[in-house]
Every structure is written in C-alpha cells, then in structure tokens.
Amino acid sequence: MKKLNLKRNFTNGYQKMSIFFLICMCMVLGFLFVREKICAANNILAIDSYEIEKGDFSPGSEATVSFQLRNRSTKVAKDIRIQVSADNGVTPVYGDSNQIFLEQIPAGATQELLVDFDIPDEIDAEKTAIMLQISYGFGADREMNSPSIFVPIQHTNAFEINSVSVAESTKVGAKALVSVTYSNQTEATLRNVKFLFEGAIAADSKYVEIGNVESGVSLYKDMYVVFTEQGQQDLEIQVSYEDAEGKSYTKDVSKESILVMADSTAQPDKSYEEMQVHRKEIQKKKDIAKGVVGFFMFVFGIAVLLGIKRRMQRQ
C-alpha cells in the first residue's frame, strides 16, 4: 500500500512538473513573439509627415523636402544617424551630404529634417520613393529602421496620355476600335506625333500618324487595328513624337488584351459576282476531270475491241 502511494505521488509530481514546464515555455515563447511583433510593427523613429517647401518634383528641377521625424517611444533616442536615398535617378543635391547626424530626439518629440533633391531631366516614373535609413541608440541597445515616402513626379512638360479605351473582343479581319485622349503639356508644338501598335495585326495597322499637336491642346482620336490571328491577343501601344528642338521621344502608352474570335462568316462576305466566278471555276475543273476520265475510258474500250477482233481472226 505504501509503495502504491509513493508511485501515485511520483506520478502526480511528474505531471505537475510537466504542466509547469509547459506553462513556462508558453510564457517565454509568447513573450518573444509579442516582443518581435512590437519591434517589427513599431518604427520608433518614424516620418510623421512631410512637405515640399520649395520647388517641385518635375523633371529637371530641384525641390526641398521637410520631414517631420517623430520619436514614438517613451525613451530618448540618441546618437541618430540618417542616410537619405531615393530611386528613379532622384538624388540629394550635388555637394550636399546624404547623411544627417542628430544628437537626440526626446520621447514623443518631433524633429524637422530639410533635404534638397535633384530630379533628373528625363524621368518616366510616376512617383519616386525616398528612404531614410535611421540608426540610433535606444537605451542600452542600438536600433535601426527604414521609413519611406512616395512623392509623385509632376510631368507638366510632357505629352500626356489621359485615357485609353479598346474593344473587349473582335474577329479576325475585322476592325477593332482603339480610342485615345491625349494632350500636349509642353510650351511648344510637338511634331510628327504617331501612335504605334504591336501585336498579331495587319501591316497597315502598325501605326497611325497624327501630325503636329499644338501646345496646351487636348484631343481625342479613334483608331482601328485589324488582327490576323484568333485567341487572346496582346496589343502594345506606344506614341512617338519630336519636340521643338527635333529630339525624338517614344513613350509606352498601355498594353491591352483583346479576345479575337475566328471569322465564321468569311465566305459569305464575298460578293455575289465573286461567288459566281468561284463556282464557275470549280465547275470547269470538274468538266475537265470528266473529259479526261471519258477519254481514257474511250481508249480503253477501243483497245478491248481490237483485242477481241484479233482473237477472232486467229480462230
């Protein structure tokens, strides 16, 4: 009986230790999980807001951006090092450093950063990403995060495509409608404007010439392309033009997908006269074939008769 009680006590103790161990493991894992989530979700130094104080983000210009950098924690961020970068050819103004150093930002406080940017003369992107790679001392540790913003590029001096509309489906050999609204936002007349089309289309559907487009005007154009293959077909649209100095540009407009069906009515589309000529040609070929067959049968018949005659003469 005593052995049985000892065995039960040992079993109960083992179970309690196992449960306690599992609880401790869950608490540790939960703490690590929560800590990881909090650190990942909270950028301690974050861009609270930004404003373009001077200039604009148009091709070939300079702009000054004011960043409001906020310390969202309850501790002081010290020894702050910030590296500024951007994409699509946008860079800090030549001669200025792309690195900024701050002694500290108190808990809950906001610090203004002023950064000058150069926007390249030729930039096709609709926006540029500006990144701040921030390293700072936080308590006994050193932390890092990389907030970013997206600034629209103002293409005020360009040939703009305002809208594109294409037919959802068409048939092989039929005209498919392509409608485009465009405008000249430059200060000069654009010359030799031409829309270019690429896809399984007829040779005479490869381009449409527009001519000259005056400054400041907005126009609408209906164009047509003829597909030569059936199935889901891609249609790539571009526009080319020359500026006042004669420099040529080619710009991607859009890439469309159109369902092209087989033309089951191709034969009935022929005129009555064409059908009559076609039928006469077929009948003529049949008559010739009958004549050839009849001739060979006639020759064969004569040969048979001559063979019979010779056999009778020998008898």
Protein backbone atom coordinates (compact mmCIF):
# COMPACT_ATOMS: atom_id res chain seq x y z
CA MET A 1 0.00 0.00 0.00
CA LYS A 2 2.88 2.31 0.83
CA LYS A 3 4.57 1.56 -2.49
CA LEU A 4 1.35 2.35 -4.31
CA ASN A 5 1.10 5.74 -2.57
CA LEU A 6 4.71 6.54 -3.42
CA LYS A 7 4.04 5.64 -7.03
CA ARG A 8 0.97 7.87 -7.13
CA ASN A 9 2.87 10.77 -5.52
CA PHE A 10 5.68 10.40 -8.05
CA THR A 11 3.20 10.32 -10.93
CA ASN A 12 1.34 13.39 -9.64
CA GLY A 13 4.60 15.25 -9.09
CA TYR A 14 5.80 14.39 -12.59
CA GLN A 15 2.55 15.60 -14.10
CA LYS A 16 2.68 18.87 -12.14
CA MET A 17 6.30 19.48 -13.20
CA SER A 18 5.41 18.77 -16.83
CA ILE A 19 2.48 21.18 -16.71
CA PHE A 20 4.63 23.84 -15.04
CA PHE A 21 7.36 23.36 -17.64
CA LEU A 22 4.85 23.70 -20.50
CA ILE A 23 3.39 26.85 -18.94
CA CYS A 24 6.86 28.38 -18.63
CA MET A 25 7.72 27.51 -22.24
CA CYS A 26 4.47 29.06 -23.46
CA MET A 27 5.15 32.22 -21.46
CA VAL A 28 8.69 32.53 -22.87
CA LEU A 29 7.58 31.89 -26.45
CA GLY A 30 4.66 34.27 -26.05
CA PHE A 31 6.95 36.99 -24.72
CA LEU A 32 9.41 36.55 -27.60
CA PHE A 33 6.55 36.51 -30.11
CA VAL A 34 4.97 39.68 -28.70
CA ARG A 35 8.34 41.41 -28.44
CA GLU A 36 9.17 40.54 -32.02
CA LYS A 37 5.78 41.79 -33.22
CA ILE A 38 6.06 45.03 -31.28
CA CYS A 39 9.58 45.71 -32.55
CA ALA A 40 8.56 44.91 -36.13
CA ALA A 41 5.31 46.88 -36.03
CA ASN A 42 6.59 50.00 -34.27
CA ASN A 43 9.12 52.12 -36.10
CA ILE A 44 10.34 54.04 -33.08
CA LEU A 45 11.62 56.90 -35.25
CA ALA A 46 9.03 57.42 -37.99
CA ILE A 47 8.16 60.04 -40.60
CA ASP A 48 5.16 61.77 -39.05
CA SER A 49 4.58 63.97 -42.11
CA TYR A 50 6.41 65.64 -44.99
CA GLU A 51 6.01 68.77 -47.10
CA ILE A 52 7.66 70.09 -50.26
CA GLU A 53 8.75 73.52 -49.05
CA LYS A 54 10.45 74.79 -52.21
CA GLY A 55 10.38 73.79 -55.87
CA ASP A 56 8.60 70.72 -57.15
CA PHE A 57 9.26 67.17 -58.30
CA SER A 58 9.12 67.85 -62.03
CA PRO A 59 11.82 66.70 -64.50
CA GLY A 60 14.97 68.83 -64.38
CA SER A 61 14.07 70.73 -61.20
CA GLU A 62 15.18 70.93 -57.57
CA ALA A 63 12.99 70.51 -54.52
CA THR A 64 13.39 70.93 -50.77
CA VAL A 65 11.51 68.42 -48.65
CA SER A 66 10.74 68.98 -44.97
CA PHE A 67 10.45 65.73 -42.98
CA GLN A 68 8.89 65.67 -39.54
CA LEU A 69 10.65 62.84 -37.73
CA ARG A 70 8.86 61.73 -34.54
CA ASN A 71 10.14 59.63 -31.64
CA ARG A 72 7.11 57.47 -30.88
CA SER A 73 8.64 55.72 -27.88
CA THR A 74 8.80 56.65 -24.18
CA LYS A 75 12.61 56.82 -24.19
CA VAL A 76 15.14 59.25 -25.63
CA ALA A 77 16.69 58.27 -28.99
CA LYS A 78 20.36 59.31 -29.04
CA ASP A 79 23.28 59.45 -31.49
CA ILE A 80 20.95 59.43 -34.50
CA ARG A 81 22.45 58.75 -37.94
CA ILE A 82 20.27 59.10 -41.03
CA GLN A 83 21.17 58.13 -44.59
CA VAL A 84 18.90 59.55 -47.32
CA SER A 85 18.33 57.83 -50.67
CA ALA A 86 15.77 57.76 -53.50
CA ASP A 87 15.06 55.79 -56.67
CA ASN A 88 14.43 56.58 -60.37
CA GLY A 89 17.52 58.82 -60.58
CA VAL A 90 16.39 61.30 -57.89
CA THR A 91 19.36 62.21 -55.64
CA PRO A 92 20.27 64.69 -52.88
CA VAL A 93 21.59 67.95 -54.42
CA TYR A 94 25.23 67.67 -55.54
CA GLY A 95 27.57 68.93 -52.83
CA ASP A 96 25.16 68.14 -50.01
CA SER A 97 25.75 65.09 -47.89
CA ASN A 98 23.14 62.35 -47.96
CA GLN A 99 23.91 61.69 -44.27
CA ILE A 100 22.38 63.58 -41.35
CA PHE A 101 23.50 63.40 -37.71
CA LEU A 102 21.37 64.35 -34.68
CA GLU A 103 22.34 64.23 -31.02
CA GLN A 104 18.94 63.12 -29.79
CA ILE A 105 15.16 63.29 -30.10
CA PRO A 106 13.31 63.21 -26.75
CA ALA A 107 10.45 60.81 -26.17
CA GLY A 108 7.34 61.93 -28.05
CA ALA A 109 9.16 64.87 -29.67
CA THR A 110 9.39 65.78 -33.37
CA GLN A 111 12.49 66.90 -35.26
CA GLU A 112 12.42 68.64 -38.66
CA LEU A 113 14.80 67.49 -41.39
CA LEU A 114 15.36 69.57 -44.56
CA VAL A 115 16.74 67.71 -47.59
CA ASP A 116 17.33 69.13 -51.09
CA PHE A 117 16.79 66.82 -54.08
CA ASP A 118 17.76 66.91 -57.73
CA ILE A 119 15.19 65.49 -60.19
CA PRO A 120 16.75 64.28 -63.49
CA ASP A 121 15.81 65.86 -66.83
CA GLU A 122 14.45 62.58 -68.16
CA ILE A 123 12.29 60.57 -65.80
CA ASP A 124 9.36 58.43 -66.93
CA ALA A 125 8.27 57.24 -63.49
CA GLU A 126 5.01 58.48 -61.98
CA LYS A 127 6.50 58.64 -58.47
CA THR A 128 9.76 58.28 -56.59
CA ALA A 129 10.44 56.55 -53.28
CA ILE A 130 12.51 58.45 -50.70
CA MET A 131 14.02 56.27 -47.99
CA LEU A 132 15.52 57.24 -44.63
CA GLN A 133 17.79 54.58 -43.16
CA ILE A 134 17.92 55.51 -39.47
CA SER A 135 20.30 54.15 -36.84
CA TYR A 136 20.07 55.32 -33.21
CA GLY A 137 20.90 54.49 -29.62
CA PHE A 138 17.87 53.37 -27.65
CA GLY A 139 18.56 52.55 -24.04
CA ALA A 140 21.46 50.10 -23.90
CA ASP A 141 20.84 48.89 -27.45
CA ARG A 142 21.30 50.31 -30.92
CA GLU A 143 18.25 50.07 -33.14
CA MET A 144 17.57 50.62 -36.83
CA ASN A 145 14.52 51.18 -39.03
CA SER A 146 13.88 52.50 -42.54
CA PRO A 147 10.75 54.62 -43.05
CA SER A 148 9.97 55.81 -46.57
CA ILE A 149 7.58 58.06 -48.50
CA PHE A 150 6.39 58.17 -52.12
CA VAL A 151 6.39 61.55 -53.89
CA PRO A 152 4.50 61.99 -57.23
CA ILE A 153 6.52 63.20 -60.23
CA GLN A 154 4.84 66.19 -61.89
CA HIS A 155 5.10 65.68 -65.63
CA THR A 156 3.95 69.20 -66.52
CA ASN A 157 6.17 69.45 -69.60
CA ALA A 158 5.27 66.31 -71.49
CA PHE A 159 2.97 64.68 -73.99
CA GLU A 160 0.29 63.19 -71.75
CA ILE A 161 -1.97 60.20 -72.40
CA ASN A 162 -5.17 60.90 -70.48
CA SER A 163 -7.21 57.80 -71.32
CA VAL A 164 -7.13 54.64 -73.45
CA SER A 165 -10.14 52.54 -74.44
CA VAL A 166 -10.08 49.41 -76.61
CA ALA A 167 -12.68 46.91 -77.80
CA GLU A 168 -13.02 43.92 -75.48
CA SER A 169 -13.40 41.49 -78.40
CA THR A 170 -13.28 41.41 -82.18
CA LYS A 171 -12.96 38.97 -85.09
CA VAL A 172 -10.06 38.07 -87.33
CA GLY A 173 -10.00 40.52 -90.23
CA ALA A 174 -12.43 42.96 -88.59
CA LYS A 175 -11.58 46.47 -87.39
CA ALA A 176 -11.05 46.77 -83.62
CA LEU A 177 -11.57 50.24 -82.13
CA VAL A 178 -8.80 51.94 -80.12
CA SER A 179 -9.73 55.35 -78.64
CA VAL A 180 -7.11 57.61 -77.05
CA THR A 181 -7.36 61.01 -75.34
CA TYR A 182 -4.06 62.90 -75.26
CA SER A 183 -2.74 66.39 -74.54
CA ASN A 184 0.36 68.49 -75.18
CA GLN A 185 1.50 69.95 -71.83
CA THR A 186 4.70 71.44 -73.26
CA GLU A 187 5.18 75.07 -74.25
CA ALA A 188 5.86 74.25 -77.90
CA THR A 189 4.26 72.38 -80.78
CA LEU A 190 5.09 68.67 -80.88
CA ARG A 191 5.74 67.37 -84.38
CA ASN A 192 5.36 64.06 -86.18
CA VAL A 193 3.16 62.58 -83.47
CA LYS A 194 2.48 58.93 -84.26
CA PHE A 195 0.76 56.08 -82.40
CA LEU A 196 2.50 52.71 -82.77
CA PHE A 197 0.84 49.30 -82.37
CA GLU A 198 2.49 45.91 -81.84
CA GLY A 199 0.77 42.52 -81.90
CA ALA A 200 -0.72 39.95 -84.27
CA ILE A 201 -2.10 42.67 -86.52
CA ALA A 202 -2.07 43.52 -90.23
CA ALA A 203 0.85 45.50 -91.64
CA ASP A 204 -1.32 48.55 -92.35
CA SER A 205 -2.43 48.59 -88.68
CA LYS A 206 1.07 49.08 -87.27
CA TYR A 207 0.84 52.87 -86.85
CA VAL A 208 -1.42 55.89 -87.17
CA GLU A 209 0.05 59.30 -87.99
CA ILE A 210 -1.40 62.27 -86.08
CA GLY A 211 0.89 65.04 -87.31
CA ASN A 212 1.56 68.16 -85.23
CA VAL A 213 -0.07 68.82 -81.85
CA GLU A 214 -0.19 72.43 -80.67
CA SER A 215 0.82 73.46 -77.17
CA GLY A 216 -1.86 73.25 -74.49
CA VAL A 217 -4.45 71.33 -76.52
CA SER A 218 -6.29 68.15 -75.53
CA LEU A 219 -7.54 65.88 -78.32
CA TYR A 220 -9.47 62.65 -78.86
CA LYS A 221 -8.67 60.11 -81.56
CA ASP A 222 -10.45 56.96 -82.76
CA MET A 223 -8.13 54.45 -84.45
CA TYR A 224 -8.54 50.91 -85.73
CA VAL A 225 -6.37 47.81 -85.85
CA VAL A 226 -7.03 44.53 -87.69
CA PHE A 227 -5.98 41.29 -86.02
CA THR A 228 -4.71 38.40 -88.14
CA GLU A 229 -4.80 35.63 -85.50
CA GLN A 230 -7.50 34.37 -83.18
CA GLY A 231 -7.29 33.82 -79.40
CA GLN A 232 -6.46 36.16 -76.52
CA GLN A 233 -4.13 38.65 -78.19
CA ASP A 234 -1.91 41.33 -76.64
CA LEU A 235 -1.82 44.81 -78.15
CA GLU A 236 1.05 47.11 -77.14
CA ILE A 237 0.51 50.83 -77.75
CA GLN A 238 3.24 53.49 -77.89
CA VAL A 239 3.42 57.10 -79.01
CA SER A 240 6.38 58.78 -80.69
CA TYR A 241 6.94 62.49 -81.31
CA GLU A 242 9.57 65.19 -81.76
CA ASP A 243 9.98 68.30 -79.61
CA ALA A 244 10.75 71.82 -80.83
CA GLU A 245 14.47 71.01 -80.99
CA GLY A 246 13.91 67.93 -83.12
CA LYS A 247 14.66 65.45 -80.35
CA SER A 248 12.67 62.22 -80.73
CA TYR A 249 10.77 60.51 -77.92
CA THR A 250 8.96 57.17 -77.71
CA LYS A 251 6.63 56.60 -74.77
CA ASP A 252 4.78 53.48 -73.66
CA VAL A 253 1.03 54.10 -73.57
CA SER A 254 -0.53 50.81 -72.49
CA LYS A 255 -0.66 47.06 -73.02
CA GLU A 256 -4.14 45.68 -73.72
CA SER A 257 -5.54 42.16 -74.06
CA ILE A 258 -8.29 41.53 -76.63
CA LEU A 259 -10.25 38.37 -77.39
CA VAL A 260 -10.05 37.71 -81.13
CA MET A 261 -12.56 35.19 -82.49
CA ALA A 262 -12.47 33.27 -85.77
CA ASP A 263 -14.38 34.87 -88.64
CA SER A 264 -17.03 32.22 -89.36
CA THR A 265 -18.68 34.45 -91.95
CA ALA A 266 -15.64 34.90 -94.14
CA GLN A 267 -17.13 33.05 -97.13
CA PRO A 268 -20.50 34.89 -97.16
CA ASP A 269 -18.64 38.20 -97.07
CA LYS A 270 -17.69 37.65 -100.74
CA SER A 271 -19.78 39.47 -103.32
CA TYR A 272 -22.30 37.62 -105.47
CA GLU A 273 -20.14 38.08 -108.58
CA GLU A 274 -17.09 36.63 -106.79
CA MET A 275 -19.12 33.62 -105.69
CA GLN A 276 -20.39 33.04 -109.22
CA VAL A 277 -16.86 33.19 -110.64
CA HIS A 278 -15.70 30.80 -107.92
CA ARG A 279 -18.49 28.34 -108.75
CA LYS A 280 -17.72 28.51 -112.49
CA GLU A 281 -14.05 27.78 -111.83
CA ILE A 282 -14.98 24.74 -109.75
CA GLN A 283 -17.43 23.52 -112.42
CA LYS A 284 -14.78 23.99 -115.12
CA LYS A 285 -12.32 21.86 -113.18
CA LYS A 286 -14.98 19.17 -112.76
CA ASP A 287 -15.75 19.21 -116.51
CA ILE A 288 -12.08 18.86 -117.39
CA ALA A 289 -11.75 15.94 -114.97
CA LYS A 290 -14.80 14.24 -116.52
CA GLY A 291 -13.38 14.77 -120.01
CA VAL A 292 -10.07 13.19 -119.07
CA VAL A 293 -11.79 10.20 -117.49
CA GLY A 294 -14.07 9.82 -120.54
CA PHE A 295 -11.10 9.93 -122.92
CA PHE A 296 -9.24 7.19 -121.05
CA MET A 297 -12.40 5.04 -120.99
CA PHE A 298 -12.85 5.53 -124.75
CA VAL A 299 -9.23 4.50 -125.43
CA PHE A 300 -9.62 1.51 -123.15
CA GLY A 301 -12.80 0.46 -124.98
CA ILE A 302 -11.10 0.62 -128.38
CA ALA A 303 -8.17 -1.42 -127.07
CA VAL A 304 -10.58 -4.10 -125.80
CA LEU A 305 -12.41 -4.26 -129.16
CA LEU A 306 -9.15 -4.59 -131.08
CA GLY A 307 -8.04 -7.40 -128.81
CA ILE A 308 -11.32 -9.27 -129.36
CA LYS A 309 -11.06 -8.82 -133.17
CA ARG A 310 -7.54 -10.25 -133.31
CA ARG A 311 -8.53 -13.25 -131.24
CA MET A 312 -11.44 -13.99 -133.62
CA GLN A 313 -9.17 -13.75 -136.70
CA ARG A 314 -6.75 -16.33 -135.22
CA GLN A 315 -9.57 -18.75 -134.72
